[in-house]
């Protein structure tokens, strides 16, 4: 089965909009009408993904920094999924990537 996120590999991240009042994050890419929408998204760690070409997108287990901030927010880390998008030009750990906590994700398109 093909990973639905593979179609975004090699595309440049065009924009990211975090609708804080809706707990929603939208990420768009150049040269496509499709974009990713993360719902119930209370926390994002972005280290410079805008303008980078996507090398990898995948779910991951999260990390201690999410646990610490979730405790401060009175949220249960076990109720969330975690997603990682890595961009090109990475020189240091956590550079040119975005780490996202969310409950559901969708691929949407602009018609």
N, C-alpha and C. Protein backbone atom coordinates (compact mmCIF):
# COMPACT_ATOMS: atom_id res chain seq x y z
N UNK A 1 0.85 -1.19 0.00
CA UNK A 1 0.00 0.00 0.00
C UNK A 1 0.89 1.25 0.00
N UNK A 2 0.59 2.18 -0.87
CA UNK A 2 1.37 3.41 -1.00
C UNK A 2 1.07 4.36 0.16
N UNK A 3 2.11 4.94 0.71
CA UNK A 3 1.98 5.95 1.75
C UNK A 3 1.39 7.20 1.09
N UNK A 4 0.26 7.69 1.62
CA UNK A 4 -0.41 8.83 0.99
C UNK A 4 0.42 10.11 1.07
N UNK A 5 1.42 10.13 1.93
CA UNK A 5 2.23 11.32 2.09
C UNK A 5 3.41 11.37 1.12
N UNK A 6 3.70 10.28 0.42
CA UNK A 6 4.83 10.23 -0.51
C UNK A 6 4.72 11.28 -1.61
N UNK A 7 3.51 11.65 -1.98
CA UNK A 7 3.34 12.62 -3.07
C UNK A 7 3.89 14.01 -2.70
N UNK A 8 4.13 14.26 -1.41
CA UNK A 8 4.66 15.55 -0.98
C UNK A 8 6.19 15.58 -0.94
N UNK A 9 6.83 14.43 -1.01
CA UNK A 9 8.30 14.38 -1.01
C UNK A 9 8.82 15.03 -2.28
N UNK A 10 9.78 15.93 -2.12
CA UNK A 10 10.35 16.65 -3.26
C UNK A 10 9.67 17.98 -3.54
N UNK A 11 8.57 18.28 -2.85
CA UNK A 11 7.88 19.56 -3.02
C UNK A 11 8.38 20.56 -2.00
N UNK A 12 8.34 21.82 -2.36
CA UNK A 12 8.77 22.89 -1.45
C UNK A 12 7.59 23.34 -0.60
N UNK A 13 7.83 23.50 0.71
CA UNK A 13 6.80 23.98 1.62
C UNK A 13 6.56 25.45 1.33
N UNK A 14 5.32 25.76 0.98
CA UNK A 14 4.96 27.12 0.58
C UNK A 14 4.49 27.96 1.77
N UNK A 15 3.61 27.40 2.59
CA UNK A 15 3.04 28.18 3.69
C UNK A 15 2.53 27.26 4.78
N UNK A 16 2.42 27.85 5.96
CA UNK A 16 1.87 27.12 7.11
C UNK A 16 0.99 28.10 7.86
N UNK A 17 -0.24 27.67 8.15
CA UNK A 17 -1.17 28.51 8.90
C UNK A 17 -1.66 27.71 10.10
N UNK A 18 -1.44 28.25 11.30
CA UNK A 18 -1.92 27.60 12.52
C UNK A 18 -3.12 28.39 13.01
N UNK A 19 -4.30 27.77 12.89
CA UNK A 19 -5.54 28.38 13.37
C UNK A 19 -5.67 28.03 14.85
N UNK A 20 -5.07 28.84 15.71
CA UNK A 20 -5.00 28.52 17.13
C UNK A 20 -6.37 28.36 17.77
N UNK A 21 -7.32 29.22 17.41
CA UNK A 21 -8.65 29.14 18.01
C UNK A 21 -9.41 27.89 17.57
N UNK A 22 -8.98 27.25 16.48
CA UNK A 22 -9.61 26.03 15.99
C UNK A 22 -8.73 24.79 16.23
N UNK A 23 -7.55 24.98 16.82
CA UNK A 23 -6.59 23.89 17.01
C UNK A 23 -6.33 23.14 15.71
N UNK A 24 -6.11 23.89 14.64
CA UNK A 24 -5.92 23.31 13.32
C UNK A 24 -4.68 23.91 12.68
N UNK A 25 -3.91 23.07 11.98
CA UNK A 25 -2.72 23.51 11.26
C UNK A 25 -2.84 23.09 9.81
N UNK A 26 -2.57 24.02 8.90
CA UNK A 26 -2.62 23.74 7.47
C UNK A 26 -1.24 24.01 6.87
N UNK A 27 -0.73 23.06 6.07
CA UNK A 27 0.57 23.23 5.41
C UNK A 27 0.36 23.04 3.92
N UNK A 28 0.75 24.07 3.14
CA UNK A 28 0.62 23.99 1.67
C UNK A 28 1.99 23.87 1.03
N UNK A 29 1.99 23.37 -0.20
CA UNK A 29 3.22 23.09 -0.93
C UNK A 29 3.15 23.71 -2.31
N UNK A 30 4.30 24.06 -2.88
CA UNK A 30 4.35 24.62 -4.23
C UNK A 30 4.08 23.53 -5.26
N UNK A 31 3.52 23.92 -6.39
CA UNK A 31 3.28 23.05 -7.55
C UNK A 31 2.28 21.93 -7.28
N UNK A 32 1.36 22.14 -6.35
CA UNK A 32 0.28 21.18 -6.13
C UNK A 32 -0.90 21.92 -5.52
N UNK A 33 -2.11 21.38 -5.77
CA UNK A 33 -3.29 21.97 -5.15
C UNK A 33 -3.67 21.23 -3.86
N UNK A 34 -2.84 20.27 -3.45
CA UNK A 34 -3.10 19.51 -2.23
C UNK A 34 -2.32 20.09 -1.06
N UNK A 35 -2.91 19.94 0.13
CA UNK A 35 -2.26 20.43 1.34
C UNK A 35 -2.64 19.52 2.51
N UNK A 36 -1.86 19.59 3.57
CA UNK A 36 -2.10 18.77 4.76
C UNK A 36 -2.82 19.60 5.81
N UNK A 37 -3.79 18.99 6.46
CA UNK A 37 -4.52 19.65 7.55
C UNK A 37 -4.46 18.74 8.77
N UNK A 38 -3.94 19.28 9.87
CA UNK A 38 -3.84 18.56 11.14
C UNK A 38 -4.91 19.13 12.06
N UNK A 39 -5.80 18.27 12.55
CA UNK A 39 -6.88 18.69 13.45
C UNK A 39 -6.53 18.37 14.89
N UNK A 40 -7.13 19.13 15.80
CA UNK A 40 -6.83 19.01 17.23
C UNK A 40 -5.31 19.07 17.43
N UNK A 41 -4.75 20.16 16.97
CA UNK A 41 -3.30 20.36 16.93
C UNK A 41 -2.90 21.44 17.94
N UNK A 42 -2.62 21.05 19.18
CA UNK A 42 -2.33 22.06 20.20
C UNK A 42 -0.89 22.56 20.22
N UNK A 43 0.03 21.82 19.56
CA UNK A 43 1.44 22.18 19.70
C UNK A 43 2.24 21.83 18.45
N UNK A 44 3.09 22.77 18.04
CA UNK A 44 3.95 22.60 16.87
C UNK A 44 5.34 23.14 17.21
N UNK A 45 6.37 22.39 16.86
CA UNK A 45 7.74 22.87 16.97
C UNK A 45 8.26 23.02 15.54
N UNK A 46 8.43 24.27 15.09
CA UNK A 46 8.90 24.54 13.73
C UNK A 46 10.31 25.11 13.80
N UNK A 47 11.23 24.47 13.11
CA UNK A 47 12.61 24.97 13.09
C UNK A 47 13.04 25.35 11.69
N UNK A 48 12.13 25.95 10.95
CA UNK A 48 12.49 26.50 9.65
C UNK A 48 12.12 25.65 8.46
N UNK A 49 10.88 25.18 8.38
CA UNK A 49 10.45 24.31 7.27
C UNK A 49 9.96 25.11 6.05
N UNK A 50 9.52 26.34 6.24
CA UNK A 50 9.01 27.14 5.12
C UNK A 50 10.13 27.35 4.10
N UNK A 51 9.82 27.08 2.83
CA UNK A 51 10.78 27.26 1.75
C UNK A 51 11.72 26.08 1.55
N UNK A 52 11.59 25.05 2.36
CA UNK A 52 12.46 23.88 2.24
C UNK A 52 11.79 22.81 1.39
N UNK A 53 12.58 22.02 0.71
CA UNK A 53 12.08 20.89 -0.07
C UNK A 53 11.95 19.70 0.86
N UNK A 54 10.79 19.06 0.85
CA UNK A 54 10.49 17.96 1.75
C UNK A 54 11.33 16.73 1.40
N UNK A 55 12.05 16.23 2.39
CA UNK A 55 12.83 15.00 2.24
C UNK A 55 12.10 13.80 2.82
N UNK A 56 11.33 14.04 3.88
CA UNK A 56 10.69 12.94 4.58
C UNK A 56 9.46 13.44 5.33
N UNK A 57 8.40 12.63 5.34
CA UNK A 57 7.20 12.90 6.13
C UNK A 57 6.79 11.59 6.77
N UNK A 58 6.57 11.59 8.06
CA UNK A 58 6.11 10.36 8.70
C UNK A 58 5.63 10.59 10.12
N UNK A 59 4.81 9.64 10.59
CA UNK A 59 4.43 9.61 11.99
C UNK A 59 5.65 9.23 12.80
N UNK A 60 5.70 9.68 14.03
CA UNK A 60 6.77 9.24 14.93
C UNK A 60 6.24 9.23 16.35
N UNK A 61 7.04 8.77 17.27
CA UNK A 61 6.59 8.52 18.65
C UNK A 61 6.52 9.77 19.51
N UNK A 62 7.00 10.90 19.03
CA UNK A 62 7.03 12.10 19.86
C UNK A 62 8.35 12.17 20.61
N UNK A 63 8.40 13.03 21.60
CA UNK A 63 9.65 13.23 22.35
C UNK A 63 9.33 13.88 23.68
N UNK A 64 10.33 13.96 24.52
CA UNK A 64 10.14 14.49 25.87
C UNK A 64 9.66 15.94 25.88
N UNK A 65 10.07 16.74 24.91
CA UNK A 65 9.63 18.14 24.90
C UNK A 65 8.11 18.24 24.77
N UNK A 66 7.47 17.33 24.02
CA UNK A 66 6.01 17.32 23.96
C UNK A 66 5.43 16.98 25.33
N UNK A 67 5.99 15.99 26.00
CA UNK A 67 5.49 15.57 27.31
C UNK A 67 5.54 16.73 28.30
N UNK A 68 6.64 17.43 28.33
CA UNK A 68 6.82 18.54 29.28
C UNK A 68 5.80 19.65 29.01
N UNK A 69 5.66 20.06 27.76
CA UNK A 69 4.73 21.15 27.44
C UNK A 69 3.28 20.69 27.62
N UNK A 70 2.97 19.44 27.27
CA UNK A 70 1.61 18.93 27.46
C UNK A 70 1.23 18.95 28.94
N UNK A 71 2.16 18.61 29.81
CA UNK A 71 1.87 18.66 31.26
C UNK A 71 1.52 20.08 31.67
N UNK A 72 2.26 21.06 31.17
CA UNK A 72 1.98 22.46 31.49
C UNK A 72 0.62 22.90 30.94
N UNK A 73 0.20 22.28 29.84
CA UNK A 73 -1.09 22.62 29.21
C UNK A 73 -2.23 21.76 29.76
N UNK A 74 -1.94 20.87 30.70
CA UNK A 74 -2.93 19.93 31.26
C UNK A 74 -3.56 19.05 30.18
N UNK A 75 -2.74 18.59 29.23
CA UNK A 75 -3.17 17.68 28.17
C UNK A 75 -2.51 16.32 28.38
N UNK A 76 -3.20 15.27 27.93
CA UNK A 76 -2.67 13.91 28.02
C UNK A 76 -1.94 13.57 26.72
N UNK A 77 -0.63 13.41 26.79
CA UNK A 77 0.19 13.15 25.60
C UNK A 77 -0.24 11.86 24.90
N UNK A 78 -0.79 10.91 25.64
CA UNK A 78 -1.21 9.63 25.04
C UNK A 78 -2.43 9.75 24.14
N UNK A 79 -3.12 10.88 24.17
CA UNK A 79 -4.30 11.08 23.33
C UNK A 79 -3.94 11.66 21.96
N UNK A 80 -2.65 11.91 21.71
CA UNK A 80 -2.23 12.57 20.48
C UNK A 80 -1.29 11.70 19.65
N UNK A 81 -1.27 12.00 18.36
CA UNK A 81 -0.32 11.42 17.42
C UNK A 81 0.74 12.48 17.14
N UNK A 82 1.85 12.06 16.56
CA UNK A 82 2.94 12.99 16.28
C UNK A 82 3.43 12.78 14.86
N UNK A 83 3.71 13.89 14.17
CA UNK A 83 4.10 13.85 12.77
C UNK A 83 5.35 14.70 12.57
N UNK A 84 6.22 14.24 11.71
CA UNK A 84 7.49 14.91 11.45
C UNK A 84 7.66 15.15 9.96
N UNK A 85 7.98 16.39 9.59
CA UNK A 85 8.32 16.72 8.21
C UNK A 85 9.74 17.27 8.23
N UNK A 86 10.63 16.63 7.48
CA UNK A 86 12.03 17.07 7.40
C UNK A 86 12.26 17.71 6.04
N UNK A 87 12.96 18.85 6.06
CA UNK A 87 13.29 19.55 4.83
C UNK A 87 14.75 19.37 4.47
N UNK A 88 15.10 19.84 3.28
CA UNK A 88 16.48 19.74 2.80
C UNK A 88 17.38 20.72 3.54
N UNK A 89 18.68 20.53 3.39
CA UNK A 89 19.65 21.44 3.97
C UNK A 89 19.87 21.26 5.45
N UNK A 90 19.46 20.13 6.00
CA UNK A 90 19.62 19.90 7.44
C UNK A 90 21.09 19.77 7.80
N UNK A 91 21.55 20.62 8.70
CA UNK A 91 22.93 20.58 9.16
C UNK A 91 23.03 20.14 10.60
N UNK A 92 22.01 20.43 11.37
CA UNK A 92 22.00 20.08 12.78
C UNK A 92 20.69 19.37 13.11
N UNK A 93 20.71 18.64 14.21
CA UNK A 93 19.52 17.96 14.68
C UNK A 93 18.40 18.98 14.90
N UNK A 94 17.22 18.69 14.45
CA UNK A 94 16.02 19.52 14.58
C UNK A 94 16.04 20.78 13.70
N UNK A 95 16.99 20.90 12.78
CA UNK A 95 17.01 22.06 11.89
C UNK A 95 16.22 21.73 10.63
N UNK A 96 15.49 22.70 10.09
CA UNK A 96 14.72 22.56 8.85
C UNK A 96 13.69 21.44 8.93
N UNK A 97 12.93 21.44 10.02
CA UNK A 97 11.87 20.44 10.16
C UNK A 97 10.74 21.02 11.00
N UNK A 98 9.63 20.29 10.99
CA UNK A 98 8.50 20.66 11.83
C UNK A 98 7.99 19.39 12.50
N UNK A 99 7.71 19.51 13.79
CA UNK A 99 7.19 18.40 14.58
C UNK A 99 5.81 18.83 15.09
N UNK A 100 4.82 17.98 14.86
CA UNK A 100 3.42 18.35 15.07
C UNK A 100 2.72 17.33 15.96
N UNK A 101 1.99 17.82 16.97
CA UNK A 101 1.11 16.98 17.77
C UNK A 101 -0.31 17.18 17.23
N UNK A 102 -1.04 16.10 17.01
CA UNK A 102 -2.37 16.19 16.40
C UNK A 102 -3.19 14.95 16.76
N UNK A 103 -4.49 15.03 16.47
CA UNK A 103 -5.35 13.85 16.65
C UNK A 103 -5.72 13.23 15.31
N UNK A 104 -6.03 14.05 14.31
CA UNK A 104 -6.34 13.51 12.98
C UNK A 104 -5.65 14.36 11.92
N UNK A 105 -5.41 13.74 10.77
CA UNK A 105 -4.77 14.42 9.65
C UNK A 105 -5.54 14.11 8.37
N UNK A 106 -5.60 15.09 7.49
CA UNK A 106 -6.26 14.92 6.20
C UNK A 106 -5.43 15.53 5.10
N UNK A 107 -5.53 14.95 3.92
CA UNK A 107 -4.99 15.58 2.72
C UNK A 107 -6.19 16.21 2.02
N UNK A 108 -6.14 17.52 1.84
CA UNK A 108 -7.24 18.24 1.18
C UNK A 108 -6.72 18.89 -0.08
N UNK A 109 -7.64 19.34 -0.92
CA UNK A 109 -7.21 20.01 -2.16
C UNK A 109 -8.07 21.23 -2.42
N UNK A 110 -7.47 22.17 -3.12
CA UNK A 110 -8.15 23.38 -3.54
C UNK A 110 -8.67 23.12 -4.95
N UNK A 111 -9.95 23.20 -5.10
CA UNK A 111 -10.53 22.95 -6.44
C UNK A 111 -10.76 24.21 -7.21
